[in-house]
């Protein structure tokens, strides 16, 4: 069993310090094999915000937790135009991680992060040909029964934002990215950006997108909410075909299981444990 805590959209600089403390408490209690943070460590990519994020990561490290993180669009300066286009992720590399596409080969899962944040797109994400080749090359030599997990900040798909009909944009060069995901046999796609927790089947979102389980995290600590309270995911991976997702929701005093669901893949199709089609239901 591989246990992953999936955080996203921390937004240091627009965060609630109480929630940061409670996230750490919950992580310490769970003792995950890996903490994944799918981008937006900061609100405006300012030095003091990165310093706060760095202190958070340092505390996790001192507590014995391994962390894999990728940048988000908020980790690129918005108003500092020169820095935005000449050295957009310098502060991220200094305070968070020099590696923009990190990789962790766990005993029972392989986890790869890809940077989708770009200077030119402002809030939208994009992948390039080099990253797509890296996805294929990284997962190529893993045995088929070892779960493959891909982490991005931006969802590869157009997914709902809030409770209304509005959809966020799919990642740029989506077709190329999805082809690589399918070819590489990726089992789980983890992302954030929309501040909304949900779980989907890739092929339900885009025909021919493969059979990955698409897991979105809400915002863990930000005060910028979209129709739901702060939350993050606890993901238990028993096998490449057996995954449980438990939303850890803020209840005013701490984070606890708000909804837990087990997903089983049979003949390439993900279903809930009771045999119902997964479709596009919330996790």
Protein backbone atom coordinates (compact mmCIF):
# COMPACT_ATOMS: atom_id res chain seq x y z
CA UNK A 1 0.00 0.00 0.00
CA UNK A 2 1.26 3.47 -0.93
CA UNK A 3 -0.20 6.40 0.99
CA UNK A 4 -0.08 9.86 -0.60
CA UNK A 5 -1.23 13.18 0.83
CA UNK A 6 -2.25 15.39 -2.09
CA UNK A 7 -2.21 19.11 -1.29
CA UNK A 8 -2.73 21.95 -3.73
CA UNK A 9 -3.11 25.71 -3.93
CA UNK A 10 -1.58 26.63 -0.58
CA UNK A 11 -1.35 30.32 -1.62
CA UNK A 12 0.99 31.53 1.11
CA UNK A 13 0.30 35.24 1.34
CA UNK A 14 -3.45 34.63 1.13
CA UNK A 15 -3.58 31.74 3.58
CA UNK A 16 -5.05 30.97 6.98
CA UNK A 17 -2.24 30.13 9.44
CA UNK A 18 -4.61 27.97 11.53
CA UNK A 19 -5.16 25.72 8.56
CA UNK A 20 -1.44 25.40 7.89
CA UNK A 21 -0.96 24.12 11.46
CA UNK A 22 -3.84 21.68 11.11
CA UNK A 23 -2.59 20.40 7.75
CA UNK A 24 0.73 19.60 9.40
CA UNK A 25 -1.03 17.87 12.28
CA UNK A 26 -3.03 15.72 9.88
CA UNK A 27 0.04 14.80 7.84
CA UNK A 28 1.89 13.80 11.00
CA UNK A 29 -1.04 11.62 12.01
CA UNK A 30 -1.39 9.93 8.61
CA UNK A 31 2.36 9.32 8.08
CA UNK A 32 2.16 9.20 4.27
CA UNK A 33 4.81 7.73 2.01
CA UNK A 34 4.82 10.98 0.05
CA UNK A 35 3.32 14.46 0.27
CA UNK A 36 2.43 15.78 -3.19
CA UNK A 37 1.82 19.52 -3.66
CA UNK A 38 0.35 20.34 -7.04
CA UNK A 39 1.30 23.98 -7.33
CA UNK A 40 0.46 27.53 -6.25
CA UNK A 41 2.68 27.59 -3.19
CA UNK A 42 2.31 31.39 -3.12
CA UNK A 43 -0.27 34.06 -3.88
CA UNK A 44 1.91 36.50 -5.81
CA UNK A 45 5.37 34.84 -6.01
CA UNK A 46 6.85 37.37 -3.58
CA UNK A 47 9.99 36.59 -1.61
CA UNK A 48 8.28 36.65 1.78
CA UNK A 49 5.56 34.32 0.51
CA UNK A 50 8.11 31.84 -0.78
CA UNK A 51 9.90 32.08 2.56
CA UNK A 52 6.70 31.08 4.36
CA UNK A 53 6.22 28.18 1.96
CA UNK A 54 9.83 27.15 2.48
CA UNK A 55 9.38 27.15 6.25
CA UNK A 56 6.34 24.91 5.82
CA UNK A 57 8.34 22.47 3.70
CA UNK A 58 11.21 22.57 6.17
CA UNK A 59 8.89 21.60 9.00
CA UNK A 60 7.53 18.71 6.94
CA UNK A 61 11.05 17.56 6.21
CA UNK A 62 12.11 17.73 9.85
CA UNK A 63 9.06 15.61 10.70
CA UNK A 64 10.33 12.96 8.28
CA UNK A 65 7.99 13.56 5.34
CA UNK A 66 9.10 13.26 1.70
CA UNK A 67 7.64 15.98 -0.55
CA UNK A 68 7.17 16.28 -4.31
CA UNK A 69 5.98 19.64 -5.61
CA UNK A 70 5.43 21.38 -8.93
CA UNK A 71 4.99 25.11 -9.64
CA UNK A 72 1.65 26.76 -10.27
CA UNK A 73 0.77 29.90 -12.20
CA UNK A 74 0.73 31.92 -8.97
CA UNK A 75 4.37 30.97 -8.41
CA UNK A 76 5.33 33.14 -11.40
CA UNK A 77 5.40 36.92 -10.71
CA UNK A 78 2.37 38.68 -12.14
CA UNK A 79 3.17 42.37 -11.82
CA UNK A 80 6.99 42.25 -11.90
CA UNK A 81 7.13 42.12 -15.70
CA UNK A 82 10.92 41.83 -16.08
CA UNK A 83 11.16 38.98 -13.61
CA UNK A 84 8.06 37.34 -15.07
CA UNK A 85 9.64 36.96 -18.51
CA UNK A 86 13.38 36.84 -17.74
CA UNK A 87 13.50 34.69 -14.61
CA UNK A 88 9.95 33.57 -13.80
CA UNK A 89 10.78 30.65 -11.49
CA UNK A 90 14.03 31.82 -9.89
CA UNK A 91 12.40 32.29 -6.49
CA UNK A 92 10.59 28.97 -6.79
CA UNK A 93 13.91 27.21 -7.47
CA UNK A 94 15.58 29.00 -4.58
CA UNK A 95 12.94 28.37 -1.93
CA UNK A 96 10.98 25.30 -3.09
CA UNK A 97 12.91 23.02 -5.45
CA UNK A 98 15.54 23.49 -8.14
CA UNK A 99 13.88 20.65 -10.05
CA UNK A 100 10.78 21.74 -11.96
CA UNK A 101 9.86 18.18 -13.00
CA UNK A 102 10.64 16.08 -9.90
CA UNK A 103 10.45 12.29 -9.73
CA UNK A 104 10.06 9.90 -6.80
CA UNK A 105 10.43 6.16 -7.33
CA UNK A 106 8.65 4.75 -4.30
CA UNK A 107 8.76 1.01 -3.54
CA UNK A 108 5.19 0.52 -4.76
CA UNK A 109 4.51 3.55 -6.96
CA UNK A 110 6.31 5.87 -9.37
CA UNK A 111 5.41 9.58 -9.07
CA UNK A 112 6.43 12.21 -11.62
CA UNK A 113 5.72 15.94 -11.52
CA UNK A 114 5.58 18.16 -14.62
CA UNK A 115 5.71 21.97 -14.63
CA UNK A 116 2.74 23.41 -16.54
CA UNK A 117 3.16 27.06 -15.44
CA UNK A 118 4.17 29.50 -18.19
CA UNK A 119 5.01 33.21 -18.29
CA UNK A 120 2.97 33.97 -21.39
CA UNK A 121 -0.27 32.26 -20.46
CA UNK A 122 -0.76 34.06 -17.11
CA UNK A 123 -3.18 31.66 -15.41
CA UNK A 124 -3.49 28.86 -17.99
CA UNK A 125 -1.13 25.90 -18.29
CA UNK A 126 0.84 24.26 -21.06
CA UNK A 127 3.16 21.33 -21.74
CA UNK A 128 5.93 21.05 -24.34
CA UNK A 129 7.41 18.29 -26.46
CA UNK A 130 10.40 17.80 -24.16
CA UNK A 131 8.10 17.22 -21.17
CA UNK A 132 5.95 14.79 -23.12
CA UNK A 133 9.06 12.80 -24.05
CA UNK A 134 10.13 12.88 -20.40
CA UNK A 135 6.80 11.39 -19.31
CA UNK A 136 7.22 8.52 -21.74
CA UNK A 137 10.89 7.92 -20.90
CA UNK A 138 10.38 8.07 -17.12
CA UNK A 139 7.62 5.47 -16.98
CA UNK A 140 8.89 3.27 -19.82
CA UNK A 141 10.93 0.85 -17.72
CA UNK A 142 8.51 0.39 -14.84
CA UNK A 143 6.69 -2.94 -14.54
CA UNK A 144 3.05 -2.80 -15.59
CA UNK A 145 1.81 -3.61 -12.09
CA UNK A 146 3.67 -0.65 -10.50
CA UNK A 147 1.23 2.30 -10.30
CA UNK A 148 2.27 5.38 -12.28
CA UNK A 149 1.25 8.79 -10.95
CA UNK A 150 1.57 12.06 -12.87
CA UNK A 151 1.30 15.40 -11.03
CA UNK A 152 0.59 18.77 -12.68
CA UNK A 153 -0.78 22.04 -11.38
CA UNK A 154 -3.19 22.60 -14.25
CA UNK A 155 -5.69 19.84 -15.04
CA UNK A 156 -5.11 18.17 -18.38
CA UNK A 157 -8.88 18.47 -18.92
CA UNK A 158 -11.52 21.21 -18.90
CA UNK A 159 -13.15 20.66 -15.51
CA UNK A 160 -15.89 22.49 -13.57
CA UNK A 161 -14.96 25.57 -11.56
CA UNK A 162 -17.29 26.12 -8.60
CA UNK A 163 -20.92 24.99 -8.61
CA UNK A 164 -21.93 26.71 -11.85
CA UNK A 165 -21.63 25.59 -15.47
CA UNK A 166 -18.28 27.34 -15.99
CA UNK A 167 -15.40 25.10 -17.06
CA UNK A 168 -11.72 25.82 -16.56
CA UNK A 169 -9.47 25.49 -19.59
CA UNK A 170 -7.67 22.27 -20.46
CA UNK A 171 -3.90 22.37 -20.43
CA UNK A 172 -2.32 23.70 -23.63
CA UNK A 173 -1.31 21.00 -26.13
CA UNK A 174 -3.78 18.70 -24.46
CA UNK A 175 -3.89 16.17 -27.29
CA UNK A 176 -0.13 15.67 -27.17
CA UNK A 177 -0.15 15.39 -23.37
CA UNK A 178 -2.99 12.87 -23.30
CA UNK A 179 -1.31 10.73 -25.96
CA UNK A 180 1.80 10.55 -23.78
CA UNK A 181 -0.24 9.73 -20.68
CA UNK A 182 -2.00 6.89 -22.48
CA UNK A 183 1.20 5.56 -24.06
CA UNK A 184 3.01 5.65 -20.71
CA UNK A 185 0.22 3.79 -18.97
CA UNK A 186 -0.33 6.49 -16.34
CA UNK A 187 -2.78 5.28 -13.70
CA UNK A 188 -3.43 8.46 -11.70
CA UNK A 189 -3.45 12.12 -12.75
CA UNK A 190 -3.22 14.53 -9.80
CA UNK A 191 -3.80 18.28 -10.22
CA UNK A 192 -5.29 21.37 -8.59
CA UNK A 193 -5.78 24.95 -9.85
CA UNK A 194 -9.60 25.01 -9.76
CA UNK A 195 -9.90 24.90 -5.93
CA UNK A 196 -12.40 22.10 -6.25
CA UNK A 197 -12.05 18.44 -5.22
CA UNK A 198 -13.34 15.82 -7.63
CA UNK A 199 -12.54 12.47 -9.22
CA UNK A 200 -13.19 11.50 -12.83
CA UNK A 201 -12.37 8.88 -15.39
CA UNK A 202 -10.13 10.26 -18.14
CA UNK A 203 -12.02 8.63 -20.99
CA UNK A 204 -15.28 10.19 -19.78
CA UNK A 205 -13.73 13.64 -20.09
CA UNK A 206 -12.05 13.20 -23.48
CA UNK A 207 -12.70 10.23 -25.76
CA UNK A 208 -9.55 8.19 -26.22
CA UNK A 209 -7.77 9.82 -23.28
CA UNK A 210 -6.83 6.48 -21.75
CA UNK A 211 -7.94 4.85 -18.52
CA UNK A 212 -6.30 7.05 -15.89
CA UNK A 213 -8.17 8.11 -12.77
CA UNK A 214 -8.25 11.92 -12.64
CA UNK A 215 -8.00 13.24 -9.05
CA UNK A 216 -8.41 16.95 -8.35
CA UNK A 217 -7.54 18.56 -5.02
CA UNK A 218 -9.23 21.59 -3.52
CA UNK A 219 -7.29 24.37 -1.87
CA UNK A 220 -5.72 23.26 1.40
CA UNK A 221 -4.98 26.56 3.14
CA UNK A 222 -6.05 29.47 0.92
CA UNK A 223 -8.72 31.96 1.91
CA UNK A 224 -9.72 32.14 -1.79
CA UNK A 225 -12.59 29.66 -1.95
CA UNK A 226 -14.87 28.50 -4.77
CA UNK A 227 -18.09 27.16 -3.30
CA UNK A 228 -16.44 24.63 -0.97
CA UNK A 229 -14.37 24.61 2.19
CA UNK A 230 -10.64 24.00 2.26
CA UNK A 231 -9.61 20.40 1.74
CA UNK A 232 -6.94 18.04 0.50
CA UNK A 233 -6.79 14.38 -0.52
CA UNK A 234 -5.57 11.25 1.18
CA UNK A 235 -4.92 8.66 -1.54
CA UNK A 236 -4.31 5.00 -0.74
CA UNK A 237 -2.91 3.02 -3.67
CA UNK A 238 -3.24 -0.71 -3.06
CA UNK A 239 -2.43 -1.55 -6.70
CA UNK A 240 -2.62 0.05 -10.13
CA UNK A 241 -6.26 -1.09 -10.26
CA UNK A 242 -7.26 -0.40 -6.64
CA UNK A 243 -7.28 3.16 -5.29
CA UNK A 244 -9.08 4.88 -2.42
CA UNK A 245 -9.54 8.64 -2.18
CA UNK A 246 -10.53 10.30 1.09
CA UNK A 247 -11.22 14.03 1.08
CA UNK A 248 -9.74 15.66 4.18
CA UNK A 249 -12.11 18.58 4.72
CA UNK A 250 -11.83 21.52 7.10
CA UNK A 251 -14.58 21.35 9.73
CA UNK A 252 -13.70 24.48 11.68
CA UNK A 253 -11.34 22.79 14.09
CA UNK A 254 -9.28 20.42 11.98
CA UNK A 255 -9.10 18.22 8.90
CA UNK A 256 -10.86 14.86 8.86
CA UNK A 257 -12.35 12.34 6.44
CA UNK A 258 -15.39 13.97 4.84
CA UNK A 259 -15.87 11.48 2.05
CA UNK A 260 -13.99 8.27 1.27
CA UNK A 261 -14.45 6.23 -1.86
CA UNK A 262 -12.73 3.20 -3.32
CA UNK A 263 -12.19 2.86 -7.06
CA UNK A 264 -11.54 -0.44 -8.83
CA UNK A 265 -10.42 -0.78 -12.43
CA UNK A 266 -11.85 -3.74 -14.28
CA UNK A 267 -11.21 -4.39 -17.97
CA UNK A 268 -9.71 -0.92 -18.21
CA UNK A 269 -12.70 0.92 -16.73
CA UNK A 270 -12.69 2.59 -13.32
CA UNK A 271 -15.78 1.99 -11.21
CA UNK A 272 -16.71 2.73 -7.65
CA UNK A 273 -16.45 -0.16 -5.23
CA UNK A 274 -20.19 -0.84 -5.44
CA UNK A 275 -19.91 -1.32 -9.18
CA UNK A 276 -21.46 1.95 -10.31
CA UNK A 277 -19.93 3.85 -13.19
CA UNK A 278 -17.58 6.57 -12.00
CA UNK A 279 -18.57 9.06 -14.71
CA UNK A 280 -17.95 12.63 -13.54
CA UNK A 281 -19.12 12.41 -9.94
CA UNK A 282 -17.34 14.31 -7.21
CA UNK A 283 -14.80 12.28 -5.28
